[in-house]
Amino acid sequence: MITKNFLEIIGKIDGNISDYYWGNIPEKEIILNKTIKLSEEVWELSWEVLATFWNQRKEKMKNKKKGDLGDEFADVILCTLLLAKWMNVDINLALEKKLEKIKERWLL
């Protein structure tokens, strides 16, 4: 699962980002913005997956750098963890519950 130390670091980063960007914006609006940001990151990951298999137009591939795919996976995971934090979701508990459901479904 995700370590407490990792989640604490993400929380500190999020606190600094929130102070800088969000100021006095209502929490609901921040959560909606973070949800949109997650959608953007998923789109960027999708683009990188397509680019990995050269399923993008040539002009879009000009600035393609090796290693972007891993960064995009990390962005999706980090945005998901930050959104979960804002929604007061215990991500480790949620993952454990989901894994139990999967194990039951697939008789593991």
PDB file of N, CA and C in Angstrom:
ATOM      1  N   MET A   1       0.833  -1.186   0.000  1.00  0.00           N
ATOM      2  CA  MET A   1       0.000   0.000   0.000  1.00  0.00           C
ATOM      3  C   MET A   1       0.881   1.255   0.000  1.00  0.00           C
ATOM      4  N   ILE A   2       0.255   2.370   0.099  1.00  0.00           N
ATOM      5  CA  ILE A   2       0.958   3.637   0.038  1.00  0.00           C
ATOM      6  C   ILE A   2       1.404   4.012   1.447  1.00  0.00           C
ATOM      7  N   THR A   3       2.687   4.320   1.595  1.00  0.00           N
ATOM      8  CA  THR A   3       3.228   4.558   2.931  1.00  0.00           C
ATOM      9  C   THR A   3       2.726   5.864   3.537  1.00  0.00           C
ATOM     10  N   LYS A   4       2.681   5.882   4.849  1.00  0.00           N
ATOM     11  CA  LYS A   4       2.250   7.080   5.573  1.00  0.00           C
ATOM     12  C   LYS A   4       3.182   8.246   5.260  1.00  0.00           C
ATOM     13  N   ASN A   5       4.484   7.986   5.171  1.00  0.00           N
ATOM     14  CA  ASN A   5       5.462   9.029   4.872  1.00  0.00           C
ATOM     15  C   ASN A   5       5.184   9.660   3.499  1.00  0.00           C
ATOM     16  N   PHE A   6       4.901   8.815   2.511  1.00  0.00           N
ATOM     17  CA  PHE A   6       4.600   9.306   1.164  1.00  0.00           C
ATOM     18  C   PHE A   6       3.357  10.196   1.189  1.00  0.00           C
ATOM     19  N   LEU A   7       2.318   9.755   1.880  1.00  0.00           N
ATOM     20  CA  LEU A   7       1.090  10.540   1.973  1.00  0.00           C
ATOM     21  C   LEU A   7       1.318  11.858   2.713  1.00  0.00           C
ATOM     22  N   GLU A   8       2.190  11.847   3.729  1.00  0.00           N
ATOM     23  CA  GLU A   8       2.503  13.080   4.456  1.00  0.00           C
ATOM     24  C   GLU A   8       3.215  14.082   3.547  1.00  0.00           C
ATOM     25  N   ILE A   9       4.151  13.593   2.741  1.00  0.00           N
ATOM     26  CA  ILE A   9       4.870  14.468   1.802  1.00  0.00           C
ATOM     27  C   ILE A   9       3.895  15.069   0.801  1.00  0.00           C
ATOM     28  N   ILE A  10       3.008  14.243   0.266  1.00  0.00           N
ATOM     29  CA  ILE A  10       2.004  14.740  -0.678  1.00  0.00           C
ATOM     30  C   ILE A  10       1.124  15.789   0.000  1.00  0.00           C
ATOM     31  N   GLY A  11       0.754  15.536   1.248  1.00  0.00           N
ATOM     32  CA  GLY A  11      -0.059  16.499   1.987  1.00  0.00           C
ATOM     33  C   GLY A  11       0.641  17.842   2.152  1.00  0.00           C
ATOM     34  N   LYS A  12       1.940  17.814   2.435  1.00  0.00           N
ATOM     35  CA  LYS A  12       2.699  19.059   2.575  1.00  0.00           C
ATOM     36  C   LYS A  12       2.785  19.800   1.247  1.00  0.00           C
ATOM     37  N   ILE A  13       3.057  19.064   0.189  1.00  0.00           N
ATOM     38  CA  ILE A  13       3.118  19.684  -1.136  1.00  0.00           C
ATOM     39  C   ILE A  13       1.769  20.301  -1.476  1.00  0.00           C
ATOM     40  N   ASP A  14       0.696  19.542  -1.223  1.00  0.00           N
ATOM     41  CA  ASP A  14      -0.645  20.040  -1.517  1.00  0.00           C
ATOM     42  C   ASP A  14      -0.957  21.290  -0.700  1.00  0.00           C
ATOM     43  N   GLY A  15      -0.521  21.308   0.551  1.00  0.00           N
ATOM     44  CA  GLY A  15      -0.743  22.495   1.378  1.00  0.00           C
ATOM     45  C   GLY A  15      -0.062  23.718   0.792  1.00  0.00           C
ATOM     46  N   ASN A  16       1.173  23.552   0.337  1.00  0.00           N
ATOM     47  CA  ASN A  16       1.893  24.675  -0.278  1.00  0.00           C
ATOM     48  C   ASN A  16       1.224  25.119  -1.575  1.00  0.00           C
ATOM     49  N   ILE A  17       0.824  24.151  -2.391  1.00  0.00           N
ATOM     50  CA  ILE A  17       0.146  24.470  -3.654  1.00  0.00           C
ATOM     51  C   ILE A  17      -1.173  25.166  -3.367  1.00  0.00           C
ATOM     52  N   SER A  18      -1.921  24.634  -2.409  1.00  0.00           N
ATOM     53  CA  SER A  18      -3.232  25.205  -2.100  1.00  0.00           C
ATOM     54  C   SER A  18      -3.111  26.645  -1.620  1.00  0.00           C
ATOM     55  N   ASP A  19      -2.132  26.903  -0.756  1.00  0.00           N
ATOM     56  CA  ASP A  19      -1.932  28.271  -0.273  1.00  0.00           C
ATOM     57  C   ASP A  19      -1.596  29.206  -1.429  1.00  0.00           C
ATOM     58  N   TYR A  20      -0.775  28.734  -2.351  1.00  0.00           N
ATOM     59  CA  TYR A  20      -0.315  29.562  -3.460  1.00  0.00           C
ATOM     60  C   TYR A  20      -1.417  29.799  -4.496  1.00  0.00           C
ATOM     61  N   TYR A  21      -2.091  28.737  -4.896  1.00  0.00           N
ATOM     62  CA  TYR A  21      -3.061  28.832  -5.989  1.00  0.00           C
ATOM     63  C   TYR A  21      -4.486  29.126  -5.551  1.00  0.00           C
ATOM     64  N   TRP A  22      -4.917  28.524  -4.439  1.00  0.00           N
ATOM     65  CA  TRP A  22      -6.333  28.538  -4.141  1.00  0.00           C
ATOM     66  C   TRP A  22      -6.768  29.646  -3.204  1.00  0.00           C
ATOM     67  N   GLY A  23      -5.885  30.073  -2.304  1.00  0.00           N
ATOM     68  CA  GLY A  23      -6.245  31.162  -1.402  1.00  0.00           C
ATOM     69  C   GLY A  23      -7.535  30.895  -0.655  1.00  0.00           C
ATOM     70  N   ASN A  24      -8.523  31.750  -0.873  1.00  0.00           N
ATOM     71  CA  ASN A  24      -9.798  31.646  -0.148  1.00  0.00           C
ATOM     72  C   ASN A  24     -10.922  31.052  -0.989  1.00  0.00           C
ATOM     73  N   ILE A  25     -10.592  30.259  -1.983  1.00  0.00           N
ATOM     74  CA  ILE A  25     -11.604  29.626  -2.829  1.00  0.00           C
ATOM     75  C   ILE A  25     -12.314  28.543  -2.006  1.00  0.00           C
ATOM     76  N   PRO A  26     -13.635  28.436  -2.148  1.00  0.00           N
ATOM     77  CA  PRO A  26     -14.373  27.411  -1.397  1.00  0.00           C
ATOM     78  C   PRO A  26     -13.866  25.995  -1.719  1.00  0.00           C
ATOM     79  N   GLU A  27     -13.929  25.130  -0.710  1.00  0.00           N
ATOM     80  CA  GLU A  27     -13.419  23.765  -0.837  1.00  0.00           C
ATOM     81  C   GLU A  27     -14.066  23.014  -2.008  1.00  0.00           C
ATOM     82  N   LYS A  28     -15.372  23.195  -2.183  1.00  0.00           N
ATOM     83  CA  LYS A  28     -16.072  22.501  -3.278  1.00  0.00           C
ATOM     84  C   LYS A  28     -15.458  22.867  -4.628  1.00  0.00           C
ATOM     85  N   GLU A  29     -15.141  24.125  -4.812  1.00  0.00           N
ATOM     86  CA  GLU A  29     -14.545  24.572  -6.069  1.00  0.00           C
ATOM     87  C   GLU A  29     -13.134  23.996  -6.252  1.00  0.00           C
ATOM     88  N   ILE A  30     -12.386  23.917  -5.182  1.00  0.00           N
ATOM     89  CA  ILE A  30     -11.043  23.319  -5.245  1.00  0.00           C
ATOM     90  C   ILE A  30     -11.151  21.853  -5.663  1.00  0.00           C
ATOM     91  N   ILE A  31     -12.097  21.131  -5.071  1.00  0.00           N
ATOM     92  CA  ILE A  31     -12.282  19.715  -5.403  1.00  0.00           C
ATOM     93  C   ILE A  31     -12.676  19.556  -6.865  1.00  0.00           C
ATOM     94  N   LEU A  32     -13.560  20.397  -7.351  1.00  0.00           N
ATOM     95  CA  LEU A  32     -13.944  20.322  -8.765  1.00  0.00           C
ATOM     96  C   LEU A  32     -12.757  20.623  -9.675  1.00  0.00           C
ATOM     97  N   ASN A  33     -11.944  21.604  -9.304  1.00  0.00           N
ATOM     98  CA  ASN A  33     -10.750  21.916 -10.089  1.00  0.00           C
ATOM     99  C   ASN A  33      -9.763  20.746 -10.078  1.00  0.00           C
ATOM    100  N   LYS A  34      -9.605  20.100  -8.943  1.00  0.00           N
ATOM    101  CA  LYS A  34      -8.697  18.953  -8.855  1.00  0.00           C
ATOM    102  C   LYS A  34      -9.228  17.780  -9.691  1.00  0.00           C
ATOM    103  N   THR A  35     -10.547  17.636  -9.767  1.00  0.00           N
ATOM    104  CA  THR A  35     -11.138  16.588 -10.595  1.00  0.00           C
ATOM    105  C   THR A  35     -10.863  16.859 -12.070  1.00  0.00           C
ATOM    106  N   ILE A  36     -10.990  18.098 -12.479  1.00  0.00           N
ATOM    107  CA  ILE A  36     -10.682  18.465 -13.864  1.00  0.00           C
ATOM    108  C   ILE A  36      -9.200  18.239 -14.143  1.00  0.00           C
ATOM    109  N   LYS A  37      -8.342  18.578 -13.201  1.00  0.00           N
ATOM    110  CA  LYS A  37      -6.904  18.360 -13.364  1.00  0.00           C
ATOM    111  C   LYS A  37      -6.599  16.876 -13.534  1.00  0.00           C
ATOM    112  N   LEU A  38      -7.277  16.025 -12.766  1.00  0.00           N
ATOM    113  CA  LEU A  38      -7.088  14.579 -12.911  1.00  0.00           C
ATOM    114  C   LEU A  38      -7.485  14.137 -14.321  1.00  0.00           C
ATOM    115  N   SER A  39      -8.594  14.658 -14.826  1.00  0.00           N
ATOM    116  CA  SER A  39      -9.019  14.320 -16.192  1.00  0.00           C
ATOM    117  C   SER A  39      -7.970  14.740 -17.210  1.00  0.00           C
ATOM    118  N   GLU A  40      -7.385  15.903 -17.001  1.00  0.00           N
ATOM    119  CA  GLU A  40      -6.322  16.379 -17.892  1.00  0.00           C
ATOM    120  C   GLU A  40      -5.125  15.431 -17.858  1.00  0.00           C
ATOM    121  N   GLU A  41      -4.743  14.997 -16.680  1.00  0.00           N
ATOM    122  CA  GLU A  41      -3.595  14.095 -16.548  1.00  0.00           C
ATOM    123  C   GLU A  41      -3.875  12.734 -17.197  1.00  0.00           C
ATOM    124  N   VAL A  42      -5.105  12.243 -17.075  1.00  0.00           N
ATOM    125  CA  VAL A  42      -5.467  10.980 -17.732  1.00  0.00           C
ATOM    126  C   VAL A  42      -5.382  11.153 -19.247  1.00  0.00           C
ATOM    127  N   TRP A  43      -5.833  12.298 -19.751  1.00  0.00           N
ATOM    128  CA  TRP A  43      -5.724  12.568 -21.194  1.00  0.00           C
ATOM    129  C   TRP A  43      -4.254  12.565 -21.622  1.00  0.00           C
ATOM    130  N   GLU A  44      -3.384  13.216 -20.853  1.00  0.00           N
ATOM    131  CA  GLU A  44      -1.959  13.256 -21.198  1.00  0.00           C
ATOM    132  C   GLU A  44      -1.355  11.853 -21.171  1.00  0.00           C
ATOM    133  N   LEU A  45      -1.756  11.025 -20.211  1.00  0.00           N
ATOM    134  CA  LEU A  45      -1.287   9.644 -20.173  1.00  0.00           C
ATOM    135  C   LEU A  45      -1.760   8.893 -21.417  1.00  0.00           C
ATOM    136  N   SER A  46      -3.010   9.084 -21.776  1.00  0.00           N
ATOM    137  CA  SER A  46      -3.549   8.435 -22.978  1.00  0.00           C
ATOM    138  C   SER A  46      -2.766   8.846 -24.208  1.00  0.00           C
ATOM    139  N   TRP A  47      -2.449  10.123 -24.315  1.00  0.00           N
ATOM    140  CA  TRP A  47      -1.662  10.618 -25.444  1.00  0.00           C
ATOM    141  C   TRP A  47      -0.305   9.927 -25.493  1.00  0.00           C
ATOM    142  N   GLU A  48       0.331   9.796 -24.343  1.00  0.00           N
ATOM    143  CA  GLU A  48       1.650   9.154 -24.279  1.00  0.00           C
ATOM    144  C   GLU A  48       1.582   7.672 -24.642  1.00  0.00           C
ATOM    145  N   VAL A  49       0.513   7.001 -24.218  1.00  0.00           N
ATOM    146  CA  VAL A  49       0.367   5.594 -24.590  1.00  0.00           C
ATOM    147  C   VAL A  49       0.265   5.474 -26.109  1.00  0.00           C
ATOM    148  N   LEU A  50      -0.561   6.317 -26.721  1.00  0.00           N
ATOM    149  CA  LEU A  50      -0.666   6.301 -28.180  1.00  0.00           C
ATOM    150  C   LEU A  50       0.672   6.630 -28.832  1.00  0.00           C
ATOM    151  N   ALA A  51       1.361   7.613 -28.294  1.00  0.00           N
ATOM    152  CA  ALA A  51       2.650   8.023 -28.862  1.00  0.00           C
ATOM    153  C   ALA A  51       3.688   6.917 -28.739  1.00  0.00           C
ATOM    154  N   THR A  52       3.604   6.132 -27.671  1.00  0.00           N
ATOM    155  CA  THR A  52       4.539   5.027 -27.475  1.00  0.00           C
ATOM    156  C   THR A  52       4.462   4.043 -28.637  1.00  0.00           C
ATOM    157  N   PHE A  53       3.269   3.875 -29.170  1.00  0.00           N
ATOM    158  CA  PHE A  53       3.073   2.970 -30.299  1.00  0.00           C
ATOM    159  C   PHE A  53       3.034   3.721 -31.627  1.00  0.00           C
ATOM    160  N   TRP A  54       3.458   4.985 -31.598  1.00  0.00           N
ATOM    161  CA  TRP A  54       3.525   5.840 -32.792  1.00  0.00           C
ATOM    162  C   TRP A  54       2.176   5.971 -33.481  1.00  0.00           C
ATOM    163  N   ASN A  55       1.132   6.048 -32.664  1.00  0.00           N
ATOM    164  CA  ASN A  55      -0.215   6.240 -33.183  1.00  0.00           C
ATOM    165  C   ASN A  55      -0.642   7.701 -33.062  1.00  0.00           C
ATOM    166  N   GLN A  56       0.313   8.595 -33.245  1.00  0.00           N
ATOM    167  CA  GLN A  56       0.048  10.023 -33.252  1.00  0.00           C
ATOM    168  C   GLN A  56       0.536  10.587 -34.585  1.00  0.00           C
ATOM    169  N   ARG A  57      -0.031  11.713 -34.971  1.00  0.00           N
ATOM    170  CA  ARG A  57       0.423  12.365 -36.203  1.00  0.00           C
ATOM    171  C   ARG A  57       1.879  12.778 -36.062  1.00  0.00           C
ATOM    172  N   LYS A  58       2.614  12.771 -37.177  1.00  0.00           N
ATOM    173  CA  LYS A  58       4.048  13.065 -37.173  1.00  0.00           C
ATOM    174  C   LYS A  58       4.357  14.416 -36.539  1.00  0.00           C
ATOM    175  N   GLU A  59       3.552  15.435 -36.841  1.00  0.00           N
ATOM    176  CA  GLU A  59       3.837  16.764 -36.288  1.00  0.00           C
ATOM    177  C   GLU A  59       3.685  16.797 -34.769  1.00  0.00           C
ATOM    178  N   LYS A  60       2.839  15.931 -34.215  1.00  0.00           N
ATOM    179  CA  LYS A  60       2.684  15.857 -32.763  1.00  0.00           C
ATOM    180  C   LYS A  60       3.864  15.133 -32.111  1.00  0.00           C
ATOM    181  N   MET A  61       4.583  14.350 -32.885  1.00  0.00           N
ATOM    182  CA  MET A  61       5.674  13.536 -32.349  1.00  0.00           C
ATOM    183  C   MET A  61       7.009  14.284 -32.313  1.00  0.00           C
ATOM    184  N   LYS A  62       7.074  15.492 -32.859  1.00  0.00           N
ATOM    185  CA  LYS A  62       8.338  16.240 -32.939  1.00  0.00           C
ATOM    186  C   LYS A  62       8.972  16.459 -31.568  1.00  0.00           C
ATOM    187  N   ASN A  63       8.173  16.745 -30.574  1.00  0.00           N
ATOM    188  CA  ASN A  63       8.709  17.047 -29.237  1.00  0.00           C
ATOM    189  C   ASN A  63       8.643  15.861 -28.288  1.00  0.00           C
ATOM    190  N   LYS A  64       8.361  14.687 -28.812  1.00  0.00           N
ATOM    191  CA  LYS A  64       8.263  13.478 -27.983  1.00  0.00           C
ATOM    192  C   LYS A  64       9.620  13.121 -27.410  1.00  0.00           C
ATOM    193  N   LYS A  65       9.645  12.939 -26.077  1.00  0.00           N
ATOM    194  CA  LYS A  65      10.877  12.542 -25.398  1.00  0.00           C
ATOM    195  C   LYS A  65      10.664  11.195 -24.737  1.00  0.00           C
ATOM    196  N   LYS A  66      11.697  10.395 -24.737  1.00  0.00           N
ATOM    197  CA  LYS A  66      11.626   9.105 -24.055  1.00  0.00           C
ATOM    198  C   LYS A  66      11.517   9.363 -22.548  1.00  0.00           C
ATOM    199  N   GLY A  67      10.697   8.601 -21.875  1.00  0.00           N
ATOM    200  CA  GLY A  67      10.540   8.762 -20.434  1.00  0.00           C
ATOM    201  C   GLY A  67       9.306   9.528 -20.036  1.00  0.00           C
ATOM    202  N   ASP A  68       8.621  10.115 -21.015  1.00  0.00           N
ATOM    203  CA  ASP A  68       7.416  10.871 -20.689  1.00  0.00           C
ATOM    204  C   ASP A  68       6.297   9.983 -20.153  1.00  0.00           C
ATOM    205  N   LEU A  69       6.250   8.736 -20.589  1.00  0.00           N
ATOM    206  CA  LEU A  69       5.183   7.825 -20.187  1.00  0.00           C
ATOM    207  C   LEU A  69       5.187   7.619 -18.668  1.00  0.00           C
ATOM    208  N   GLY A  70       6.333   7.359 -18.085  1.00  0.00           N
ATOM    209  CA  GLY A  70       6.424   7.178 -16.629  1.00  0.00           C
ATOM    210  C   GLY A  70       5.992   8.412 -15.871  1.00  0.00           C
ATOM    211  N   ASP A  71       6.385   9.580 -16.367  1.00  0.00           N
ATOM    212  CA  ASP A  71       5.974  10.836 -15.735  1.00  0.00           C
ATOM    213  C   ASP A  71       4.453  10.982 -15.742  1.00  0.00           C
ATOM    214  N   GLU A  72       3.847  10.590 -16.851  1.00  0.00           N
ATOM    215  CA  GLU A  72       2.392  10.728 -16.953  1.00  0.00           C
ATOM    216  C   GLU A  72       1.664   9.763 -16.018  1.00  0.00           C
ATOM    217  N   PHE A  73       2.178   8.532 -15.888  1.00  0.00           N
ATOM    218  CA  PHE A  73       1.590   7.616 -14.906  1.00  0.00           C
ATOM    219  C   PHE A  73       1.692   8.216 -13.510  1.00  0.00           C
ATOM    220  N   ALA A  74       2.848   8.767 -13.175  1.00  0.00           N
ATOM    221  CA  ALA A  74       3.057   9.374 -11.854  1.00  0.00           C
ATOM    222  C   ALA A  74       2.106  10.547 -11.637  1.00  0.00           C
ATOM    223  N   ASP A  75       1.915  11.373 -12.667  1.00  0.00           N
ATOM    224  CA  ASP A  75       0.993  12.509 -12.542  1.00  0.00           C
ATOM    225  C   ASP A  75      -0.422  12.048 -12.229  1.00  0.00           C
ATOM    226  N   VAL A  76      -0.880  10.997 -12.909  1.00  0.00           N
ATOM    227  CA  VAL A  76      -2.229  10.480 -12.670  1.00  0.00           C
ATOM    228  C   VAL A  76      -2.349   9.974 -11.234  1.00  0.00           C
ATOM    229  N   ILE A  77      -1.349   9.242 -10.786  1.00  0.00           N
ATOM    230  CA  ILE A  77      -1.390   8.699  -9.414  1.00  0.00           C
ATOM    231  C   ILE A  77      -1.372   9.828  -8.390  1.00  0.00           C
ATOM    232  N   LEU A  78      -0.491  10.798  -8.574  1.00  0.00           N
ATOM    233  CA  LEU A  78      -0.408  11.907  -7.620  1.00  0.00           C
ATOM    234  C   LEU A  78      -1.696  12.720  -7.592  1.00  0.00           C
ATOM    235  N   CYS A  79      -2.257  13.018  -8.755  1.00  0.00           N
ATOM    236  CA  CYS A  79      -3.516  13.769  -8.788  1.00  0.00           C
ATOM    237  C   CYS A  79      -4.638  12.985  -8.121  1.00  0.00           C
ATOM    238  N   THR A  80      -4.650  11.677  -8.312  1.00  0.00           N
ATOM    239  CA  THR A  80      -5.666  10.834  -7.683  1.00  0.00           C
ATOM    240  C   THR A  80      -5.517  10.873  -6.157  1.00  0.00           C
ATOM    241  N   LEU A  81      -4.280  10.768  -5.684  1.00  0.00           N
ATOM    242  CA  LEU A  81      -4.051  10.799  -4.236  1.00  0.00           C
ATOM    243  C   LEU A  81      -4.443  12.150  -3.640  1.00  0.00           C
ATOM    244  N   LEU A  82      -4.136  13.232  -4.334  1.00  0.00           N
ATOM    245  CA  LEU A  82      -4.501  14.565  -3.835  1.00  0.00           C
ATOM    246  C   LEU A  82      -6.018  14.743  -3.803  1.00  0.00           C
ATOM    247  N   LEU A  83      -6.690  14.278  -4.842  1.00  0.00           N
ATOM    248  CA  LEU A  83      -8.144  14.378  -4.862  1.00  0.00           C
ATOM    249  C   LEU A  83      -8.749  13.544  -3.738  1.00  0.00           C
ATOM    250  N   ALA A  84      -8.225  12.343  -3.521  1.00  0.00           N
ATOM    251  CA  ALA A  84      -8.708  11.505  -2.426  1.00  0.00           C
ATOM    252  C   ALA A  84      -8.518  12.204  -1.079  1.00  0.00           C
ATOM    253  N   LYS A  85      -7.383  12.859  -0.919  1.00  0.00           N
ATOM    254  CA  LYS A  85      -7.115  13.594   0.323  1.00  0.00           C
ATOM    255  C   LYS A  85      -8.171  14.677   0.538  1.00  0.00           C
ATOM    256  N   TRP A  86      -8.466  15.441  -0.499  1.00  0.00           N
ATOM    257  CA  TRP A  86      -9.452  16.519  -0.398  1.00  0.00           C
ATOM    258  C   TRP A  86     -10.859  15.985  -0.135  1.00  0.00           C
ATOM    259  N   MET A  87     -11.129  14.761  -0.594  1.00  0.00           N
ATOM    260  CA  MET A  87     -12.442  14.160  -0.408  1.00  0.00           C
ATOM    261  C   MET A  87     -12.507  13.319   0.870  1.00  0.00           C
ATOM    262  N   ASN A  88     -11.437  13.390   1.679  1.00  0.00           N
ATOM    263  CA  ASN A  88     -11.361  12.657   2.951  1.00  0.00           C
ATOM    264  C   ASN A  88     -11.501  11.144   2.764  1.00  0.00           C
ATOM    265  N   VAL A  89     -10.896  10.644   1.708  1.00  0.00           N
ATOM    266  CA  VAL A  89     -10.899   9.205   1.448  1.00  0.00           C
ATOM    267  C   VAL A  89      -9.598   8.622   1.990  1.00  0.00           C
ATOM    268  N   ASP A  90      -9.721   7.602   2.814  1.00  0.00           N
ATOM    269  CA  ASP A  90      -8.546   6.863   3.285  1.00  0.00           C
ATOM    270  C   ASP A  90      -8.152   5.935   2.145  1.00  0.00           C
ATOM    271  N   ILE A  91      -7.165   6.343   1.359  1.00  0.00           N
ATOM    272  CA  ILE A  91      -6.821   5.635   0.135  1.00  0.00           C
ATOM    273  C   ILE A  91      -6.333   4.212   0.417  1.00  0.00           C
ATOM    274  N   ASN A  92      -5.612   4.012   1.494  1.00  0.00           N
ATOM    275  CA  ASN A  92      -5.155   2.658   1.819  1.00  0.00           C
ATOM    276  C   ASN A  92      -6.329   1.742   2.150  1.00  0.00           C
ATOM    277  N   LEU A  93      -7.277   2.236   2.918  1.00  0.00           N
ATOM    278  CA  LEU A  93      -8.466   1.452   3.238  1.00  0.00           C
ATOM    279  C   LEU A  93      -9.271   1.169   1.967  1.00  0.00           C
ATOM    280  N   ALA A  94      -9.414   2.172   1.115  1.00  0.00           N
ATOM    281  CA  ALA A  94     -10.147   1.982  -0.140  1.00  0.00           C
ATOM    282  C   ALA A  94      -9.472   0.938  -1.026  1.00  0.00           C
ATOM    283  N   LEU A  95      -8.147   0.975  -1.095  1.00  0.00           N
ATOM    284  CA  LEU A  95      -7.417  -0.015  -1.894  1.00  0.00           C
ATOM    285  C   LEU A  95      -7.567  -1.419  -1.311  1.00  0.00           C
ATOM    286  N   GLU A  96      -7.474  -1.528  -0.001  1.00  0.00           N
ATOM    287  CA  GLU A  96      -7.630  -2.837   0.645  1.00  0.00           C
ATOM    288  C   GLU A  96      -9.017  -3.422   0.371  1.00  0.00           C
ATOM    289  N   LYS A  97     -10.056  -2.590   0.510  1.00  0.00           N
ATOM    290  CA  LYS A  97     -11.421  -3.049   0.262  1.00  0.00           C
ATOM    291  C   LYS A  97     -11.590  -3.466  -1.197  1.00  0.00           C
ATOM    292  N   LYS A  98     -11.041  -2.699  -2.114  1.00  0.00           N
ATOM    293  CA  LYS A  98     -11.159  -3.019  -3.531  1.00  0.00           C
ATOM    294  C   LYS A  98     -10.433  -4.320  -3.855  1.00  0.00           C
ATOM    295  N   LEU A  99      -9.245  -4.503  -3.292  1.00  0.00           N
ATOM    296  CA  LEU A  99      -8.502  -5.738  -3.535  1.00  0.00           C
ATOM    297  C   LEU A  99      -9.257  -6.958  -2.998  1.00  0.00           C
ATOM    298  N   GLU A 100      -9.913  -6.803  -1.857  1.00  0.00           N
ATOM    299  CA  GLU A 100     -10.714  -7.915  -1.320  1.00  0.00           C
ATOM    300  C   GLU A 100     -11.848  -8.272  -2.274  1.00  0.00           C
ATOM    301  N   LYS A 101     -12.527  -7.261  -2.808  1.00  0.00           N
ATOM    302  CA  LYS A 101     -13.600  -7.516  -3.776  1.00  0.00           C
ATOM    303  C   LYS A 101     -13.067  -8.228  -5.008  1.00  0.00           C
ATOM    304  N   ILE A 102     -11.913  -7.797  -5.486  1.00  0.00           N
ATOM    305  CA  ILE A 102     -11.316  -8.413  -6.678  1.00  0.00           C
ATOM    306  C   ILE A 102     -10.943  -9.862  -6.381  1.00  0.00           C
ATOM    307  N   LYS A 103     -10.349 -10.093  -5.199  1.00  0.00           N
ATOM    308  CA  LYS A 103      -9.964 -11.460  -4.834  1.00  0.00           C
ATOM    309  C   LYS A 103     -11.203 -12.372  -4.747  1.00  0.00           C
ATOM    310  N   GLU A 104     -12.285 -11.866  -4.176  1.00  0.00           N
ATOM    311  CA  GLU A 104     -13.508 -12.659  -4.090  1.00  0.00           C
ATOM    312  C   GLU A 104     -14.066 -12.961  -5.479  1.00  0.00           C
ATOM    313  N   ARG A 105     -14.093 -11.959  -6.329  1.00  0.00           N
ATOM    314  CA  ARG A 105     -14.639 -12.111  -7.674  1.00  0.00           C
ATOM    315  C   ARG A 105     -13.850 -13.118  -8.497  1.00  0.00           C
ATOM    316  N   TRP A 106     -12.543 -13.102  -8.343  1.00  0.00           N
ATOM    317  CA  TRP A 106     -11.690 -13.960  -9.162  1.00  0.00           C
ATOM    318  C   TRP A 106     -11.186 -15.180  -8.406  1.00  0.00           C
ATOM    319  N   LEU A 107     -11.778 -15.411  -7.220  1.00  0.00           N
ATOM    320  CA  LEU A 107     -11.477 -16.597  -6.419  1.00  0.00           C
ATOM    321  C   LEU A 107      -9.990 -16.775  -6.156  1.00  0.00           C
ATOM    322  N   LEU A 108      -9.359 -15.706  -5.753  1.00  0.00           N
ATOM    323  CA  LEU A 108      -7.921 -15.755  -5.451  1.00  0.00           C
ATOM    324  C   LEU A 108      -7.685 -16.109  -4.000  1.00  0.00           C
TER     325      LEU A 108
END
